Amino acid sequence: MEVTQVSINVTDRAGVDHVIKAQVGVPLMQALRNEGLVDAICGGECACATCHVHIQGGGMEKVGKPSGQEVDMLETSLETQDNSRLSCQVIVSEDLDGLVLTVAQAEG
């Protein structure tokens, strides 16, 4: 049986924990935005960093390091850490089931 959704553990900006479902094959940002956990102002164009998250535990091995335009966008954020990713650039896969992340604090 093919998995079509995975569970993602999210701590929001207020420190409240959520377990959300994310559709395999689409950007993680969509699930976070659907739950009202990120703003995603640019709609996933890697142009605003309002979907910035911090991947916890060993999750960076699963989601991979940012590259190219994402690195450039993260460099403009005051909240950037070694475990930072823009959720619009993380495509949900079955490997991400159980991923733990924290939504970065809003800037400005």
PDB file of N, CA and C in Angstrom:
ATOM      1  N   MET A   1       0.841  -1.190   0.000  1.00  0.00           N
ATOM      2  CA  MET A   1       0.000   0.000   0.000  1.00  0.00           C
ATOM      3  C   MET A   1       0.884   1.251   0.000  1.00  0.00           C
ATOM      4  N   GLU A   2       0.631   2.145  -0.910  1.00  0.00           N
ATOM      5  CA  GLU A   2       1.424   3.363  -1.049  1.00  0.00           C
ATOM      6  C   GLU A   2       1.000   4.412  -0.022  1.00  0.00           C
ATOM      7  N   VAL A   3       1.995   5.011   0.641  1.00  0.00           N
ATOM      8  CA  VAL A   3       1.730   6.066   1.608  1.00  0.00           C
ATOM      9  C   VAL A   3       1.508   7.370   0.854  1.00  0.00           C
ATOM     10  N   THR A   4       0.412   8.068   1.152  1.00  0.00           N
ATOM     11  CA  THR A   4       0.147   9.332   0.476  1.00  0.00           C
ATOM     12  C   THR A   4       0.301  10.526   1.412  1.00  0.00           C
ATOM     13  N   GLN A   5       0.307  10.267   2.719  1.00  0.00           N
ATOM     14  CA  GLN A   5       0.503  11.335   3.691  1.00  0.00           C
ATOM     15  C   GLN A   5       1.446  10.850   4.780  1.00  0.00           C
ATOM     16  N   VAL A   6       2.169  11.794   5.366  1.00  0.00           N
ATOM     17  CA  VAL A   6       3.035  11.497   6.493  1.00  0.00           C
ATOM     18  C   VAL A   6       2.685  12.456   7.629  1.00  0.00           C
ATOM     19  N   SER A   7       3.081  12.081   8.837  1.00  0.00           N
ATOM     20  CA  SER A   7       2.872  12.936  10.004  1.00  0.00           C
ATOM     21  C   SER A   7       4.120  13.758  10.264  1.00  0.00           C
ATOM     22  N   ILE A   8       3.922  15.039  10.522  1.00  0.00           N
ATOM     23  CA  ILE A   8       5.016  15.957  10.829  1.00  0.00           C
ATOM     24  C   ILE A   8       4.718  16.579  12.190  1.00  0.00           C
ATOM     25  N   ASN A   9       5.718  16.588  13.057  1.00  0.00           N
ATOM     26  CA  ASN A   9       5.588  17.168  14.402  1.00  0.00           C
ATOM     27  C   ASN A   9       6.119  18.593  14.358  1.00  0.00           C
ATOM     28  N   VAL A  10       5.261  19.546  14.669  1.00  0.00           N
ATOM     29  CA  VAL A  10       5.595  20.962  14.509  1.00  0.00           C
ATOM     30  C   VAL A  10       5.407  21.703  15.825  1.00  0.00           C
ATOM     31  N   THR A  11       6.414  22.492  16.203  1.00  0.00           N
ATOM     32  CA  THR A  11       6.264  23.440  17.297  1.00  0.00           C
ATOM     33  C   THR A  11       6.103  24.810  16.663  1.00  0.00           C
ATOM     34  N   ASP A  12       4.983  25.467  16.971  1.00  0.00           N
ATOM     35  CA  ASP A  12       4.718  26.765  16.343  1.00  0.00           C
ATOM     36  C   ASP A  12       5.471  27.883  17.044  1.00  0.00           C
ATOM     37  N   ARG A  13       5.284  29.106  16.570  1.00  0.00           N
ATOM     38  CA  ARG A  13       6.026  30.258  17.102  1.00  0.00           C
ATOM     39  C   ARG A  13       5.706  30.555  18.557  1.00  0.00           C
ATOM     40  N   ALA A  14       4.554  30.069  19.041  1.00  0.00           N
ATOM     41  CA  ALA A  14       4.167  30.286  20.439  1.00  0.00           C
ATOM     42  C   ALA A  14       4.625  29.137  21.337  1.00  0.00           C
ATOM     43  N   GLY A  15       5.300  28.129  20.753  1.00  0.00           N
ATOM     44  CA  GLY A  15       5.773  27.004  21.535  1.00  0.00           C
ATOM     45  C   GLY A  15       4.762  25.879  21.682  1.00  0.00           C
ATOM     46  N   VAL A  16       3.664  25.954  20.935  1.00  0.00           N
ATOM     47  CA  VAL A  16       2.620  24.926  20.985  1.00  0.00           C
ATOM     48  C   VAL A  16       2.944  23.827  19.983  1.00  0.00           C
ATOM     49  N   ASP A  17       2.825  22.579  20.429  1.00  0.00           N
ATOM     50  CA  ASP A  17       3.119  21.432  19.568  1.00  0.00           C
ATOM     51  C   ASP A  17       1.882  20.993  18.782  1.00  0.00           C
ATOM     52  N   HIS A  18       2.113  20.614  17.530  1.00  0.00           N
ATOM     53  CA  HIS A  18       1.059  20.139  16.628  1.00  0.00           C
ATOM     54  C   HIS A  18       1.575  18.900  15.903  1.00  0.00           C
ATOM     55  N   VAL A  19       0.674  18.013  15.540  1.00  0.00           N
ATOM     56  CA  VAL A  19       0.993  16.931  14.611  1.00  0.00           C
ATOM     57  C   VAL A  19       0.105  17.166  13.402  1.00  0.00           C
ATOM     58  N   ILE A  20       0.743  17.387  12.244  1.00  0.00           N
ATOM     59  CA  ILE A  20      -0.015  17.671  11.027  1.00  0.00           C
ATOM     60  C   ILE A  20       0.242  16.583   9.997  1.00  0.00           C
ATOM     61  N   LYS A  21      -0.651  16.485   9.039  1.00  0.00           N
ATOM     62  CA  LYS A  21      -0.482  15.555   7.926  1.00  0.00           C
ATOM     63  C   LYS A  21       0.037  16.345   6.734  1.00  0.00           C
ATOM     64  N   ALA A  22       1.023  15.762   6.042  1.00  0.00           N
ATOM     65  CA  ALA A  22       1.600  16.398   4.858  1.00  0.00           C
ATOM     66  C   ALA A  22       1.508  15.425   3.690  1.00  0.00           C
ATOM     67  N   GLN A  23       1.103  15.934   2.551  1.00  0.00           N
ATOM     68  CA  GLN A  23       0.943  15.133   1.340  1.00  0.00           C
ATOM     69  C   GLN A  23       2.303  14.821   0.722  1.00  0.00           C
ATOM     70  N   VAL A  24       2.563  13.549   0.449  1.00  0.00           N
ATOM     71  CA  VAL A  24       3.802  13.139  -0.210  1.00  0.00           C
ATOM     72  C   VAL A  24       3.838  13.732  -1.618  1.00  0.00           C
ATOM     73  N   GLY A  25       5.013  14.271  -1.996  1.00  0.00           N
ATOM     74  CA  GLY A  25       5.212  14.790  -3.337  1.00  0.00           C
ATOM     75  C   GLY A  25       4.986  16.275  -3.507  1.00  0.00           C
ATOM     76  N   VAL A  26       4.555  16.953  -2.454  1.00  0.00           N
ATOM     77  CA  VAL A  26       4.336  18.399  -2.531  1.00  0.00           C
ATOM     78  C   VAL A  26       5.217  19.103  -1.499  1.00  0.00           C
ATOM     79  N   PRO A  27       5.439  20.401  -1.652  1.00  0.00           N
ATOM     80  CA  PRO A  27       6.261  21.119  -0.674  1.00  0.00           C
ATOM     81  C   PRO A  27       5.664  21.057   0.736  1.00  0.00           C
ATOM     82  N   LEU A  28       6.528  20.886   1.721  1.00  0.00           N
ATOM     83  CA  LEU A  28       6.129  20.880   3.125  1.00  0.00           C
ATOM     84  C   LEU A  28       5.368  22.149   3.488  1.00  0.00           C
ATOM     85  N   MET A  29       5.729  23.257   2.866  1.00  0.00           N
ATOM     86  CA  MET A  29       5.080  24.541   3.122  1.00  0.00           C
ATOM     87  C   MET A  29       3.563  24.454   2.993  1.00  0.00           C
ATOM     88  N   GLN A  30       3.069  23.677   2.045  1.00  0.00           N
ATOM     89  CA  GLN A  30       1.624  23.599   1.831  1.00  0.00           C
ATOM     90  C   GLN A  30       0.902  23.092   3.069  1.00  0.00           C
ATOM     91  N   ALA A  31       1.420  22.037   3.688  1.00  0.00           N
ATOM     92  CA  ALA A  31       0.786  21.496   4.896  1.00  0.00           C
ATOM     93  C   ALA A  31       0.866  22.497   6.039  1.00  0.00           C
ATOM     94  N   LEU A  32       2.014  23.150   6.184  1.00  0.00           N
ATOM     95  CA  LEU A  32       2.180  24.143   7.244  1.00  0.00           C
ATOM     96  C   LEU A  32       1.259  25.340   7.034  1.00  0.00           C
ATOM     97  N   ARG A  33       1.144  25.790   5.799  1.00  0.00           N
ATOM     98  CA  ARG A  33       0.263  26.932   5.492  1.00  0.00           C
ATOM     99  C   ARG A  33      -1.201  26.556   5.690  1.00  0.00           C
ATOM    100  N   ASN A  34      -1.575  25.344   5.288  1.00  0.00           N
ATOM    101  CA  ASN A  34      -2.966  24.893   5.459  1.00  0.00           C
ATOM    102  C   ASN A  34      -3.387  24.889   6.922  1.00  0.00           C
ATOM    103  N   GLU A  35      -2.434  24.665   7.814  1.00  0.00           N
ATOM    104  CA  GLU A  35      -2.707  24.644   9.256  1.00  0.00           C
ATOM    105  C   GLU A  35      -2.506  26.014   9.903  1.00  0.00           C
ATOM    106  N   GLY A  36      -2.140  27.025   9.101  1.00  0.00           N
ATOM    107  CA  GLY A  36      -1.941  28.373   9.618  1.00  0.00           C
ATOM    108  C   GLY A  36      -0.659  28.531  10.424  1.00  0.00           C
ATOM    109  N   LEU A  37       0.326  27.657  10.169  1.00  0.00           N
ATOM    110  CA  LEU A  37       1.561  27.682  10.950  1.00  0.00           C
ATOM    111  C   LEU A  37       2.664  28.518  10.318  1.00  0.00           C
ATOM    112  N   VAL A  38       2.588  28.783   9.026  1.00  0.00           N
ATOM    113  CA  VAL A  38       3.522  29.690   8.346  1.00  0.00           C
ATOM    114  C   VAL A  38       2.724  30.617   7.443  1.00  0.00           C
ATOM    115  N   ASP A  39       3.324  31.770   7.129  1.00  0.00           N
ATOM    116  CA  ASP A  39       2.651  32.744   6.266  1.00  0.00           C
ATOM    117  C   ASP A  39       2.818  32.411   4.790  1.00  0.00           C
ATOM    118  N   ALA A  40       4.020  32.042   4.397  1.00  0.00           N
ATOM    119  CA  ALA A  40       4.304  31.684   3.003  1.00  0.00           C
ATOM    120  C   ALA A  40       3.792  32.754   2.040  1.00  0.00           C
ATOM    121  N   ILE A  41       4.185  33.978   2.292  1.00  0.00           N
ATOM    122  CA  ILE A  41       3.695  35.131   1.532  1.00  0.00           C
ATOM    123  C   ILE A  41       3.952  35.010   0.035  1.00  0.00           C
ATOM    124  N   CYS A  42       5.113  34.480  -0.346  1.00  0.00           N
ATOM    125  CA  CYS A  42       5.439  34.404  -1.779  1.00  0.00           C
ATOM    126  C   CYS A  42       4.802  33.191  -2.456  1.00  0.00           C
ATOM    127  N   GLY A  43       4.140  32.343  -1.691  1.00  0.00           N
ATOM    128  CA  GLY A  43       3.453  31.197  -2.276  1.00  0.00           C
ATOM    129  C   GLY A  43       4.362  30.063  -2.699  1.00  0.00           C
ATOM    130  N   GLY A  44       5.569  30.025  -2.147  1.00  0.00           N
ATOM    131  CA  GLY A  44       6.475  28.926  -2.454  1.00  0.00           C
ATOM    132  C   GLY A  44       7.493  29.212  -3.531  1.00  0.00           C
ATOM    133  N   GLU A  45       7.731  30.479  -3.807  1.00  0.00           N
ATOM    134  CA  GLU A  45       8.675  30.869  -4.851  1.00  0.00           C
ATOM    135  C   GLU A  45      10.097  31.086  -4.334  1.00  0.00           C
ATOM    136  N   CYS A  46      10.350  30.754  -3.075  1.00  0.00           N
ATOM    137  CA  CYS A  46      11.676  30.928  -2.466  1.00  0.00           C
ATOM    138  C   CYS A  46      12.103  32.393  -2.527  1.00  0.00           C
ATOM    139  N   ALA A  47      11.155  33.277  -2.187  1.00  0.00           N
ATOM    140  CA  ALA A  47      11.424  34.709  -2.324  1.00  0.00           C
ATOM    141  C   ALA A  47      11.116  35.523  -1.069  1.00  0.00           C
ATOM    142  N   CYS A  48      10.804  34.850   0.061  1.00  0.00           N
ATOM    143  CA  CYS A  48      10.438  35.670   1.216  1.00  0.00           C
ATOM    144  C   CYS A  48      10.898  35.137   2.578  1.00  0.00           C
ATOM    145  N   ALA A  49      11.125  33.870   2.740  1.00  0.00           N
ATOM    146  CA  ALA A  49      11.536  33.242   4.002  1.00  0.00           C
ATOM    147  C   ALA A  49      10.456  33.256   5.085  1.00  0.00           C
ATOM    148  N   THR A  50       9.198  33.495   4.735  1.00  0.00           N
ATOM    149  CA  THR A  50       8.134  33.445   5.741  1.00  0.00           C
ATOM    150  C   THR A  50       7.649  32.018   5.998  1.00  0.00           C
ATOM    151  N   CYS A  51       8.295  31.039   5.386  1.00  0.00           N
ATOM    152  CA  CYS A  51       8.011  29.623   5.657  1.00  0.00           C
ATOM    153  C   CYS A  51       9.223  28.958   6.292  1.00  0.00           C
ATOM    154  N   HIS A  52      10.099  29.762   6.867  1.00  0.00           N
ATOM    155  CA  HIS A  52      11.366  29.317   7.474  1.00  0.00           C
ATOM    156  C   HIS A  52      11.088  28.415   8.674  1.00  0.00           C
ATOM    157  N   VAL A  53      11.747  27.252   8.688  1.00  0.00           N
ATOM    158  CA  VAL A  53      11.619  26.315   9.800  1.00  0.00           C
ATOM    159  C   VAL A  53      13.001  25.849  10.238  1.00  0.00           C
ATOM    160  N   HIS A  54      13.067  25.354  11.470  1.00  0.00           N
ATOM    161  CA  HIS A  54      14.274  24.737  12.008  1.00  0.00           C
ATOM    162  C   HIS A  54      13.991  23.249  12.159  1.00  0.00           C
ATOM    163  N   ILE A  55      14.749  22.430  11.452  1.00  0.00           N
ATOM    164  CA  ILE A  55      14.582  20.984  11.476  1.00  0.00           C
ATOM    165  C   ILE A  55      15.284  20.441  12.722  1.00  0.00           C
ATOM    166  N   GLN A  56      14.590  19.632  13.505  1.00  0.00           N
ATOM    167  CA  GLN A  56      15.132  19.137  14.769  1.00  0.00           C
ATOM    168  C   GLN A  56      15.677  17.715  14.633  1.00  0.00           C
ATOM    169  N   GLY A  57      16.458  17.323  15.639  1.00  0.00           N
ATOM    170  CA  GLY A  57      16.994  15.969  15.694  1.00  0.00           C
ATOM    171  C   GLY A  57      17.824  15.639  14.469  1.00  0.00           C
ATOM    172  N   GLY A  58      17.697  14.434  13.965  1.00  0.00           N
ATOM    173  CA  GLY A  58      18.432  14.008  12.780  1.00  0.00           C
ATOM    174  C   GLY A  58      17.708  14.312  11.489  1.00  0.00           C
ATOM    175  N   GLY A  59      16.728  15.194  11.552  1.00  0.00           N
ATOM    176  CA  GLY A  59      15.913  15.486  10.384  1.00  0.00           C
ATOM    177  C   GLY A  59      16.636  16.105   9.210  1.00  0.00           C
ATOM    178  N   MET A  60      17.737  16.822   9.466  1.00  0.00           N
ATOM    179  CA  MET A  60      18.460  17.450   8.357  1.00  0.00           C
ATOM    180  C   MET A  60      19.017  16.404   7.405  1.00  0.00           C
ATOM    181  N   GLU A  61      19.351  15.233   7.926  1.00  0.00           N
ATOM    182  CA  GLU A  61      19.823  14.156   7.053  1.00  0.00           C
ATOM    183  C   GLU A  61      18.727  13.732   6.081  1.00  0.00           C
ATOM    184  N   LYS A  62      17.482  13.816   6.531  1.00  0.00           N
ATOM    185  CA  LYS A  62      16.349  13.417   5.686  1.00  0.00           C
ATOM    186  C   LYS A  62      15.963  14.501   4.677  1.00  0.00           C
ATOM    187  N   VAL A  63      15.984  15.764   5.118  1.00  0.00           N
ATOM    188  CA  VAL A  63      15.546  16.845   4.225  1.00  0.00           C
ATOM    189  C   VAL A  63      16.681  17.393   3.373  1.00  0.00           C
ATOM    190  N   GLY A  64      17.919  17.179   3.795  1.00  0.00           N
ATOM    191  CA  GLY A  64      19.063  17.675   3.044  1.00  0.00           C
ATOM    192  C   GLY A  64      19.375  19.131   3.356  1.00  0.00           C
ATOM    193  N   LYS A  65      20.517  19.548   2.910  1.00  0.00           N
ATOM    194  CA  LYS A  65      20.972  20.932   3.120  1.00  0.00           C
ATOM    195  C   LYS A  65      20.370  21.850   2.061  1.00  0.00           C
ATOM    196  N   PRO A  66      20.158  23.114   2.420  1.00  0.00           N
ATOM    197  CA  PRO A  66      19.680  24.068   1.421  1.00  0.00           C
ATOM    198  C   PRO A  66      20.760  24.354   0.384  1.00  0.00           C
ATOM    199  N   SER A  67      20.342  24.782  -0.786  1.00  0.00           N
ATOM    200  CA  SER A  67      21.316  25.134  -1.811  1.00  0.00           C
ATOM    201  C   SER A  67      20.809  26.296  -2.648  1.00  0.00           C
ATOM    202  N   GLY A  68      21.720  26.931  -3.375  1.00  0.00           N
ATOM    203  CA  GLY A  68      21.363  27.966  -4.337  1.00  0.00           C
ATOM    204  C   GLY A  68      20.565  29.113  -3.783  1.00  0.00           C
ATOM    205  N   GLN A  69      19.419  29.344  -4.404  1.00  0.00           N
ATOM    206  CA  GLN A  69      18.558  30.473  -4.061  1.00  0.00           C
ATOM    207  C   GLN A  69      18.077  30.396  -2.610  1.00  0.00           C
ATOM    208  N   GLU A  70      17.853  29.180  -2.112  1.00  0.00           N
ATOM    209  CA  GLU A  70      17.410  29.032  -0.719  1.00  0.00           C
ATOM    210  C   GLU A  70      18.485  29.528   0.249  1.00  0.00           C
ATOM    211  N   VAL A  71      19.746  29.196   0.002  1.00  0.00           N
ATOM    212  CA  VAL A  71      20.841  29.675   0.849  1.00  0.00           C
ATOM    213  C   VAL A  71      20.868  31.197   0.841  1.00  0.00           C
ATOM    214  N   ASP A  72      20.742  31.790  -0.334  1.00  0.00           N
ATOM    215  CA  ASP A  72      20.736  33.250  -0.446  1.00  0.00           C
ATOM    216  C   ASP A  72      19.604  33.859   0.381  1.00  0.00           C
ATOM    217  N   MET A  73      18.418  33.267   0.321  1.00  0.00           N
ATOM    218  CA  MET A  73      17.265  33.787   1.060  1.00  0.00           C
ATOM    219  C   MET A  73      17.477  33.616   2.567  1.00  0.00           C
ATOM    220  N   LEU A  74      17.999  32.470   2.984  1.00  0.00           N
ATOM    221  CA  LEU A  74      18.243  32.238   4.412  1.00  0.00           C
ATOM    222  C   LEU A  74      19.284  33.202   4.967  1.00  0.00           C
ATOM    223  N   GLU A  75      20.239  33.605   4.149  1.00  0.00           N
ATOM    224  CA  GLU A  75      21.273  34.538   4.611  1.00  0.00           C
ATOM    225  C   GLU A  75      20.701  35.904   4.971  1.00  0.00           C
ATOM    226  N   THR A  76      19.502  36.218   4.499  1.00  0.00           N
ATOM    227  CA  THR A  76      18.870  37.497   4.821  1.00  0.00           C
ATOM    228  C   THR A  76      18.089  37.439   6.132  1.00  0.00           C
ATOM    229  N   SER A  77      17.938  36.249   6.705  1.00  0.00           N
ATOM    230  CA  SER A  77      17.139  36.064   7.918  1.00  0.00           C
ATOM    231  C   SER A  77      17.998  36.168   9.170  1.00  0.00           C
ATOM    232  N   LEU A  78      17.479  36.846  10.175  1.00  0.00           N
ATOM    233  CA  LEU A  78      18.162  36.932  11.462  1.00  0.00           C
ATOM    234  C   LEU A  78      18.010  35.639  12.254  1.00  0.00           C
ATOM    235  N   GLU A  79      17.056  34.797  11.873  1.00  0.00           N
ATOM    236  CA  GLU A  79      16.751  33.560  12.594  1.00  0.00           C
ATOM    237  C   GLU A  79      17.461  32.330  12.024  1.00  0.00           C
ATOM    238  N   THR A  80      18.344  32.508  11.047  1.00  0.00           N
ATOM    239  CA  THR A  80      18.987  31.370  10.394  1.00  0.00           C
ATOM    240  C   THR A  80      19.908  30.626  11.363  1.00  0.00           C
ATOM    241  N   GLN A  81      19.769  29.296  11.333  1.00  0.00           N
ATOM    242  CA  GLN A  81      20.610  28.399  12.128  1.00  0.00           C
ATOM    243  C   GLN A  81      21.141  27.310  11.190  1.00  0.00           C
ATOM    244  N   ASP A  82      22.021  26.465  11.706  1.00  0.00           N
ATOM    245  CA  ASP A  82      22.562  25.368  10.895  1.00  0.00           C
ATOM    246  C   ASP A  82      21.470  24.411  10.427  1.00  0.00           C
ATOM    247  N   ASN A  83      20.356  24.366  11.153  1.00  0.00           N
ATOM    248  CA  ASN A  83      19.256  23.457  10.823  1.00  0.00           C
ATOM    249  C   ASN A  83      18.089  24.177  10.138  1.00  0.00           C
ATOM    250  N   SER A  84      18.365  25.324   9.532  1.00  0.00           N
ATOM    251  CA  SER A  84      17.323  26.099   8.852  1.00  0.00           C
ATOM    252  C   SER A  84      17.018  25.551   7.465  1.00  0.00           C
ATOM    253  N   ARG A  85      15.742  25.556   7.124  1.00  0.00           N
ATOM    254  CA  ARG A  85      15.278  25.265   5.762  1.00  0.00           C
ATOM    255  C   ARG A  85      14.059  26.136   5.497  1.00  0.00           C
ATOM    256  N   LEU A  86      13.842  26.442   4.231  1.00  0.00           N
ATOM    257  CA  LEU A  86      12.582  27.058   3.815  1.00  0.00           C
ATOM    258  C   LEU A  86      11.665  25.900   3.460  1.00  0.00           C
ATOM    259  N   SER A  87      10.518  25.826   4.109  1.00  0.00           N
ATOM    260  CA  SER A  87       9.649  24.659   3.916  1.00  0.00           C
ATOM    261  C   SER A  87       9.111  24.562   2.489  1.00  0.00           C
ATOM    262  N   CYS A  88       9.155  25.661   1.736  1.00  0.00           N
ATOM    263  CA  CYS A  88       8.722  25.605   0.334  1.00  0.00           C
ATOM    264  C   CYS A  88       9.700  24.816  -0.529  1.00  0.00           C
ATOM    265  N   GLN A  89      10.916  24.621  -0.029  1.00  0.00           N
ATOM    266  CA  GLN A  89      11.950  23.929  -0.790  1.00  0.00           C
ATOM    267  C   GLN A  89      12.140  22.472  -0.352  1.00  0.00           C
ATOM    268  N   VAL A  90      11.337  22.028   0.621  1.00  0.00           N
ATOM    269  CA  VAL A  90      11.399  20.650   1.105  1.00  0.00           C
ATOM    270  C   VAL A  90      10.203  19.895   0.535  1.00  0.00           C
ATOM    271  N   ILE A  91      10.471  18.941  -0.347  1.00  0.00           N
ATOM    272  CA  ILE A  91       9.400  18.130  -0.917  1.00  0.00           C
ATOM    273  C   ILE A  91       9.146  16.954   0.026  1.00  0.00           C
ATOM    274  N   VAL A  92       7.889  16.782   0.415  1.00  0.00           N
ATOM    275  CA  VAL A  92       7.524  15.731   1.357  1.00  0.00           C
ATOM    276  C   VAL A  92       7.714  14.362   0.705  1.00  0.00           C
ATOM    277  N   SER A  93       8.389  13.479   1.438  1.00  0.00           N
ATOM    278  CA  SER A  93       8.559  12.095   1.008  1.00  0.00           C
ATOM    279  C   SER A  93       8.184  11.190   2.178  1.00  0.00           C
ATOM    280  N   GLU A  94       8.056   9.914   1.903  1.00  0.00           N
ATOM    281  CA  GLU A  94       7.719   8.960   2.956  1.00  0.00           C
ATOM    282  C   GLU A  94       8.781   8.968   4.047  1.00  0.00           C
ATOM    283  N   ASP A  95      10.020   9.269   3.688  1.00  0.00           N
ATOM    284  CA  ASP A  95      11.117   9.319   4.663  1.00  0.00           C
ATOM    285  C   ASP A  95      10.908  10.394   5.727  1.00  0.00           C
ATOM    286  N   LEU A  96      10.065  11.376   5.451  1.00  0.00           N
ATOM    287  CA  LEU A  96       9.859  12.474   6.392  1.00  0.00           C
ATOM    288  C   LEU A  96       8.807  12.165   7.448  1.00  0.00           C
ATOM    289  N   ASP A  97       8.204  10.980   7.411  1.00  0.00           N
ATOM    290  CA  ASP A  97       7.208  10.617   8.422  1.00  0.00           C
ATOM    291  C   ASP A  97       7.841  10.718   9.808  1.00  0.00           C
ATOM    292  N   GLY A  98       7.223  11.492  10.684  1.00  0.00           N
ATOM    293  CA  GLY A  98       7.738  11.692  12.037  1.00  0.00           C
ATOM    294  C   GLY A  98       8.722  12.839  12.174  1.00  0.00           C
ATOM    295  N   LEU A  99       8.989  13.561  11.081  1.00  0.00           N
ATOM    296  CA  LEU A  99       9.902  14.711  11.131  1.00  0.00           C
ATOM    297  C   LEU A  99       9.477  15.671  12.230  1.00  0.00           C
ATOM    298  N   VAL A 100      10.465  16.237  12.926  1.00  0.00           N
ATOM    299  CA  VAL A 100      10.218  17.212  13.987  1.00  0.00           C
ATOM    300  C   VAL A 100      10.827  18.538  13.554  1.00  0.00           C
ATOM    301  N   LEU A 101      10.034  19.600  13.633  1.00  0.00           N
ATOM    302  CA  LEU A 101      10.529  20.923  13.262  1.00  0.00           C
ATOM    303  C   LEU A 101       9.894  22.000  14.118  1.00  0.00           C
ATOM    304  N   THR A 102      10.552  23.147  14.121  1.00  0.00           N
ATOM    305  CA  THR A 102      10.062  24.326  14.826  1.00  0.00           C
ATOM    306  C   THR A 102       9.952  25.446  13.801  1.00  0.00           C
ATOM    307  N   VAL A 103       8.840  26.156  13.819  1.00  0.00           N
ATOM    308  CA  VAL A 103       8.653  27.295  12.924  1.00  0.00           C
ATOM    309  C   VAL A 103       9.509  28.452  13.451  1.00  0.00           C
ATOM    310  N   ALA A 104      10.338  29.031  12.583  1.00  0.00           N
ATOM    311  CA  ALA A 104      11.199  30.149  12.980  1.00  0.00           C
ATOM    312  C   ALA A 104      10.344  31.358  13.353  1.00  0.00           C
ATOM    313  N   GLN A 105      10.837  32.131  14.285  1.00  0.00           N
ATOM    314  CA  GLN A 105      10.130  33.340  14.697  1.00  0.00           C
ATOM    315  C   GLN A 105       9.997  34.318  13.528  1.00  0.00           C
ATOM    316  N   ALA A 106       8.878  35.014  13.490  1.00  0.00           N
ATOM    317  CA  ALA A 106       8.654  36.020  12.443  1.00  0.00           C
ATOM    318  C   ALA A 106       9.622  37.179  12.656  1.00  0.00           C
ATOM    319  N   GLU A 107      10.025  37.779  11.571  1.00  0.00           N
ATOM    320  CA  GLU A 107      10.941  38.927  11.653  1.00  0.00           C
ATOM    321  C   GLU A 107      10.216  40.194  11.228  1.00  0.00           C
ATOM    322  N   GLY A 108      10.684  41.298  11.774  1.00  0.00           N
ATOM    323  CA  GLY A 108      10.159  42.574  11.326  1.00  0.00           C
ATOM    324  C   GLY A 108       9.026  43.064  12.042  1.00  0.00           C
TER     325      GLY A 108
END
